[in-house]
N, C-alpha and C. Protein backbone atom coordinates (compact mmCIF):
# COMPACT_ATOMS: atom_id res chain seq x y z
N UNK A 1 -68.80 62.92 6.69
CA UNK A 1 -68.53 62.78 5.28
C UNK A 1 -68.29 61.31 4.95
N UNK A 2 -68.93 60.82 3.92
CA UNK A 2 -68.76 59.42 3.53
C UNK A 2 -68.03 59.34 2.20
N UNK A 3 -67.36 58.22 2.01
CA UNK A 3 -66.57 58.03 0.79
C UNK A 3 -67.40 57.46 -0.35
N UNK A 4 -68.62 57.07 -0.07
CA UNK A 4 -69.46 56.46 -1.11
C UNK A 4 -69.21 54.97 -1.26
N UNK A 5 -68.29 54.41 -0.48
CA UNK A 5 -67.99 52.97 -0.53
C UNK A 5 -68.79 52.28 0.55
N UNK A 6 -69.52 51.29 0.18
CA UNK A 6 -70.33 50.54 1.13
C UNK A 6 -69.54 49.34 1.62
N UNK A 7 -69.53 49.13 2.91
CA UNK A 7 -68.86 47.97 3.49
C UNK A 7 -69.76 46.75 3.31
N UNK A 8 -69.16 45.67 2.87
CA UNK A 8 -69.90 44.43 2.68
C UNK A 8 -69.39 43.39 3.66
N UNK A 9 -70.29 42.83 4.43
CA UNK A 9 -69.92 41.78 5.37
C UNK A 9 -69.83 40.47 4.60
N UNK A 10 -68.63 39.91 4.50
CA UNK A 10 -68.43 38.67 3.75
C UNK A 10 -68.48 37.44 4.63
N UNK A 11 -68.71 37.61 5.93
CA UNK A 11 -68.80 36.46 6.82
C UNK A 11 -70.13 35.74 6.59
N UNK A 12 -70.04 34.43 6.36
CA UNK A 12 -71.25 33.64 6.12
C UNK A 12 -72.00 33.43 7.42
N UNK A 13 -73.29 33.19 7.33
CA UNK A 13 -74.10 32.96 8.53
C UNK A 13 -73.61 31.76 9.34
N UNK A 14 -73.94 31.74 10.61
CA UNK A 14 -73.51 30.68 11.52
C UNK A 14 -73.95 29.31 11.05
N UNK A 15 -75.11 29.22 10.37
CA UNK A 15 -75.59 27.91 9.91
C UNK A 15 -74.60 27.28 8.95
N UNK A 16 -73.93 28.08 8.14
CA UNK A 16 -72.97 27.56 7.17
C UNK A 16 -71.77 26.93 7.86
N UNK A 17 -71.44 27.43 9.04
CA UNK A 17 -70.29 26.90 9.77
C UNK A 17 -70.58 25.53 10.37
N UNK A 18 -71.84 25.20 10.60
CA UNK A 18 -72.19 23.93 11.21
C UNK A 18 -72.86 22.97 10.23
N UNK A 19 -73.00 23.37 8.98
CA UNK A 19 -73.65 22.50 8.00
C UNK A 19 -72.79 21.29 7.69
N UNK A 20 -73.43 20.26 7.20
CA UNK A 20 -72.71 19.07 6.77
C UNK A 20 -71.96 19.39 5.48
N UNK A 21 -70.74 18.89 5.36
CA UNK A 21 -70.00 19.18 4.13
C UNK A 21 -70.63 18.45 2.94
N UNK A 22 -70.49 19.05 1.78
CA UNK A 22 -70.96 18.41 0.55
C UNK A 22 -69.99 17.29 0.19
N UNK A 23 -70.48 16.29 -0.52
CA UNK A 23 -69.65 15.17 -0.92
C UNK A 23 -68.46 15.66 -1.75
N UNK A 24 -68.67 16.65 -2.62
CA UNK A 24 -67.56 17.15 -3.44
C UNK A 24 -66.48 17.80 -2.57
N UNK A 25 -66.87 18.36 -1.42
CA UNK A 25 -65.89 18.94 -0.51
C UNK A 25 -65.04 17.85 0.15
N UNK A 26 -65.67 16.75 0.49
CA UNK A 26 -64.94 15.63 1.09
C UNK A 26 -64.03 15.00 0.05
N UNK A 27 -64.53 14.82 -1.17
CA UNK A 27 -63.68 14.30 -2.26
C UNK A 27 -62.43 15.16 -2.38
N UNK A 28 -62.62 16.45 -2.44
CA UNK A 28 -61.49 17.37 -2.59
C UNK A 28 -60.52 17.30 -1.44
N UNK A 29 -61.05 17.23 -0.22
CA UNK A 29 -60.20 17.17 0.96
C UNK A 29 -59.34 15.90 0.95
N UNK A 30 -59.95 14.77 0.60
CA UNK A 30 -59.21 13.50 0.56
C UNK A 30 -58.13 13.55 -0.52
N UNK A 31 -58.46 14.07 -1.69
CA UNK A 31 -57.47 14.17 -2.77
C UNK A 31 -56.32 15.10 -2.38
N UNK A 32 -56.64 16.25 -1.81
CA UNK A 32 -55.59 17.20 -1.43
C UNK A 32 -54.70 16.61 -0.34
N UNK A 33 -55.30 15.93 0.64
CA UNK A 33 -54.49 15.32 1.71
C UNK A 33 -53.49 14.33 1.12
N UNK A 34 -53.95 13.53 0.18
CA UNK A 34 -53.05 12.53 -0.41
C UNK A 34 -51.97 13.21 -1.24
N UNK A 35 -52.34 14.19 -2.02
CA UNK A 35 -51.36 14.88 -2.87
C UNK A 35 -50.29 15.55 -2.01
N UNK A 36 -50.71 16.23 -0.96
CA UNK A 36 -49.73 16.92 -0.11
C UNK A 36 -48.93 15.91 0.71
N UNK A 37 -49.54 14.81 1.11
CA UNK A 37 -48.80 13.75 1.82
C UNK A 37 -47.65 13.25 0.96
N UNK A 38 -47.89 13.18 -0.34
CA UNK A 38 -46.87 12.72 -1.27
C UNK A 38 -45.87 13.83 -1.63
N UNK A 39 -46.14 15.05 -1.20
CA UNK A 39 -45.26 16.17 -1.50
C UNK A 39 -45.28 16.57 -2.97
N UNK A 40 -46.43 16.38 -3.61
CA UNK A 40 -46.56 16.67 -5.03
C UNK A 40 -47.33 17.96 -5.26
N UNK A 41 -47.06 18.59 -6.38
CA UNK A 41 -47.74 19.85 -6.72
C UNK A 41 -49.03 19.57 -7.47
N UNK A 42 -49.90 20.57 -7.45
CA UNK A 42 -51.13 20.50 -8.24
C UNK A 42 -50.80 20.28 -9.71
N UNK A 43 -49.84 21.04 -10.22
CA UNK A 43 -49.48 20.97 -11.64
C UNK A 43 -49.01 19.57 -12.03
N UNK A 44 -48.22 18.96 -11.18
CA UNK A 44 -47.71 17.62 -11.43
C UNK A 44 -48.84 16.60 -11.56
N UNK A 45 -49.70 16.59 -10.56
CA UNK A 45 -50.80 15.62 -10.53
C UNK A 45 -51.79 15.90 -11.65
N UNK A 46 -52.10 17.17 -11.87
CA UNK A 46 -53.04 17.53 -12.94
C UNK A 46 -52.52 17.06 -14.30
N UNK A 47 -51.24 17.28 -14.56
CA UNK A 47 -50.64 16.87 -15.83
C UNK A 47 -50.76 15.36 -16.01
N UNK A 48 -50.42 14.60 -14.97
CA UNK A 48 -50.51 13.14 -15.05
C UNK A 48 -51.94 12.65 -15.21
N UNK A 49 -52.88 13.38 -14.61
CA UNK A 49 -54.29 12.98 -14.67
C UNK A 49 -54.97 13.45 -15.96
N UNK A 50 -54.32 14.37 -16.67
CA UNK A 50 -54.90 14.87 -17.91
C UNK A 50 -55.98 15.92 -17.71
N UNK A 51 -55.86 16.67 -16.61
CA UNK A 51 -56.80 17.77 -16.35
C UNK A 51 -55.99 19.04 -16.12
N UNK A 52 -56.65 20.18 -16.19
CA UNK A 52 -55.94 21.44 -15.96
C UNK A 52 -55.66 21.62 -14.47
N UNK A 53 -54.61 22.37 -14.19
CA UNK A 53 -54.26 22.68 -12.80
C UNK A 53 -55.41 23.43 -12.13
N UNK A 54 -56.00 24.37 -12.86
CA UNK A 54 -57.13 25.15 -12.32
C UNK A 54 -58.30 24.23 -11.95
N UNK A 55 -58.61 23.29 -12.83
CA UNK A 55 -59.73 22.38 -12.56
C UNK A 55 -59.45 21.52 -11.33
N UNK A 56 -58.25 20.95 -11.25
CA UNK A 56 -57.90 20.11 -10.09
C UNK A 56 -57.95 20.93 -8.81
N UNK A 57 -57.50 22.17 -8.87
CA UNK A 57 -57.56 23.05 -7.71
C UNK A 57 -59.01 23.24 -7.26
N UNK A 58 -59.89 23.46 -8.21
CA UNK A 58 -61.31 23.65 -7.86
C UNK A 58 -61.93 22.37 -7.32
N UNK A 59 -61.51 21.23 -7.83
CA UNK A 59 -62.00 19.95 -7.29
C UNK A 59 -61.52 19.81 -5.86
N UNK A 60 -60.23 20.07 -5.62
CA UNK A 60 -59.69 19.94 -4.27
C UNK A 60 -60.35 20.90 -3.27
N UNK A 61 -60.77 22.05 -3.73
CA UNK A 61 -61.43 23.01 -2.84
C UNK A 61 -62.93 22.75 -2.72
N UNK A 62 -63.43 21.70 -3.38
CA UNK A 62 -64.85 21.36 -3.29
C UNK A 62 -65.75 22.27 -4.08
N UNK A 63 -65.20 22.96 -5.06
CA UNK A 63 -65.99 23.90 -5.87
C UNK A 63 -66.52 23.28 -7.15
N UNK A 64 -65.89 22.20 -7.59
CA UNK A 64 -66.32 21.51 -8.81
C UNK A 64 -66.69 20.07 -8.48
N UNK A 65 -67.71 19.58 -9.12
CA UNK A 65 -68.17 18.20 -8.97
C UNK A 65 -67.48 17.38 -10.05
N UNK A 66 -66.45 16.64 -9.69
CA UNK A 66 -65.68 15.87 -10.66
C UNK A 66 -66.43 14.61 -11.06
N UNK A 67 -66.29 14.22 -12.33
CA UNK A 67 -66.88 12.98 -12.81
C UNK A 67 -66.10 11.79 -12.26
N UNK A 68 -66.68 10.61 -12.34
CA UNK A 68 -65.97 9.42 -11.88
C UNK A 68 -64.73 9.18 -12.72
N UNK A 69 -64.77 9.55 -14.00
CA UNK A 69 -63.60 9.39 -14.87
C UNK A 69 -62.45 10.28 -14.40
N UNK A 70 -62.76 11.53 -14.05
CA UNK A 70 -61.73 12.45 -13.56
C UNK A 70 -61.19 11.95 -12.22
N UNK A 71 -62.07 11.55 -11.32
CA UNK A 71 -61.62 11.05 -10.02
C UNK A 71 -60.71 9.84 -10.20
N UNK A 72 -61.06 8.95 -11.10
CA UNK A 72 -60.24 7.77 -11.36
C UNK A 72 -58.87 8.17 -11.91
N UNK A 73 -58.84 9.13 -12.82
CA UNK A 73 -57.57 9.60 -13.40
C UNK A 73 -56.69 10.24 -12.33
N UNK A 74 -57.28 11.02 -11.44
CA UNK A 74 -56.51 11.66 -10.38
C UNK A 74 -55.99 10.60 -9.41
N UNK A 75 -56.82 9.63 -9.08
CA UNK A 75 -56.37 8.54 -8.20
C UNK A 75 -55.20 7.79 -8.85
N UNK A 76 -55.30 7.50 -10.15
CA UNK A 76 -54.20 6.85 -10.87
C UNK A 76 -52.93 7.69 -10.79
N UNK A 77 -53.07 8.99 -11.00
CA UNK A 77 -51.92 9.89 -10.96
C UNK A 77 -51.28 9.91 -9.56
N UNK A 78 -52.10 9.67 -8.54
CA UNK A 78 -51.60 9.64 -7.17
C UNK A 78 -51.08 8.26 -6.76
N UNK A 79 -51.17 7.31 -7.69
CA UNK A 79 -50.67 5.97 -7.41
C UNK A 79 -51.62 5.11 -6.61
N UNK A 80 -52.87 5.46 -6.60
CA UNK A 80 -53.87 4.70 -5.86
C UNK A 80 -54.99 4.27 -6.77
N UNK A 81 -56.03 3.77 -6.17
CA UNK A 81 -57.19 3.30 -6.94
C UNK A 81 -58.44 4.03 -6.50
N UNK A 82 -59.44 3.95 -7.34
CA UNK A 82 -60.73 4.55 -7.01
C UNK A 82 -61.32 3.87 -5.78
N UNK A 83 -61.08 2.58 -5.62
CA UNK A 83 -61.60 1.85 -4.46
C UNK A 83 -60.97 2.40 -3.17
N UNK A 84 -59.67 2.65 -3.17
CA UNK A 84 -59.00 3.21 -2.00
C UNK A 84 -59.52 4.62 -1.71
N UNK A 85 -59.74 5.38 -2.78
CA UNK A 85 -60.27 6.73 -2.63
C UNK A 85 -61.66 6.70 -1.98
N UNK A 86 -62.53 5.85 -2.49
CA UNK A 86 -63.88 5.75 -1.94
C UNK A 86 -63.83 5.30 -0.48
N UNK A 87 -62.89 4.41 -0.16
CA UNK A 87 -62.71 4.00 1.23
C UNK A 87 -62.32 5.17 2.12
N UNK A 88 -61.43 6.02 1.62
CA UNK A 88 -61.02 7.21 2.37
C UNK A 88 -62.16 8.17 2.57
N UNK A 89 -62.96 8.35 1.53
CA UNK A 89 -64.13 9.22 1.62
C UNK A 89 -65.11 8.65 2.64
N UNK A 90 -65.29 7.34 2.60
CA UNK A 90 -66.18 6.67 3.54
C UNK A 90 -65.73 6.92 4.98
N UNK A 91 -64.44 6.79 5.23
CA UNK A 91 -63.93 7.05 6.59
C UNK A 91 -64.16 8.50 6.99
N UNK A 92 -63.97 9.41 6.06
CA UNK A 92 -64.25 10.84 6.33
C UNK A 92 -65.70 11.03 6.73
N UNK A 93 -66.59 10.43 5.97
CA UNK A 93 -68.02 10.58 6.24
C UNK A 93 -68.41 10.01 7.60
N UNK A 94 -67.77 8.93 7.98
CA UNK A 94 -68.06 8.32 9.27
C UNK A 94 -67.42 9.07 10.43
N UNK A 95 -66.47 9.91 10.12
CA UNK A 95 -65.77 10.64 11.17
C UNK A 95 -64.78 9.77 11.91
N UNK A 96 -64.44 8.61 11.32
CA UNK A 96 -63.55 7.67 11.98
C UNK A 96 -62.09 7.91 11.61
N UNK A 97 -61.83 8.91 10.83
CA UNK A 97 -60.46 9.18 10.37
C UNK A 97 -59.63 9.71 11.53
N UNK A 98 -58.49 9.11 11.74
CA UNK A 98 -57.59 9.57 12.80
C UNK A 98 -56.37 10.27 12.23
N UNK A 99 -56.15 10.17 10.96
CA UNK A 99 -55.01 10.81 10.30
C UNK A 99 -55.29 10.94 8.84
N UNK A 100 -54.32 11.41 8.07
CA UNK A 100 -54.53 11.55 6.64
C UNK A 100 -54.84 10.22 5.98
N UNK A 101 -55.67 10.26 4.97
CA UNK A 101 -56.05 9.07 4.23
C UNK A 101 -55.00 8.83 3.16
N UNK A 102 -54.40 7.64 3.14
CA UNK A 102 -53.39 7.31 2.14
C UNK A 102 -54.04 6.46 1.04
N UNK A 103 -53.91 6.89 -0.19
CA UNK A 103 -54.45 6.13 -1.32
C UNK A 103 -53.45 5.10 -1.80
N UNK A 104 -52.18 5.37 -1.63
CA UNK A 104 -51.14 4.46 -2.09
C UNK A 104 -50.34 3.98 -0.89
N UNK A 105 -49.75 2.82 -1.04
CA UNK A 105 -48.92 2.28 0.04
C UNK A 105 -47.72 3.19 0.26
N UNK A 106 -47.39 3.38 1.50
CA UNK A 106 -46.26 4.28 1.83
C UNK A 106 -44.93 3.60 1.61
């Protein structure tokens, strides 16, 4: 006897696990690392940057492609600069990162 409910396998194919990350995913990872390093909440940073908490969350998860204006506003809210952010992204892309990327001086 079956319940009429079909099981759906939600596991992505193995190729997805080894694919190169998208640039928006790296942007999000660098922003989230800095925000959490500072011990700040999404809501706090989003408010200072002038974006919604939901939008910043999606940017951090690599689901939204943020404009340079939004990235600059978030960097400002984190006390850093777009240049420092791009440097952090560059290190991520090179795989040379040994620890969290800091956008602002500690």
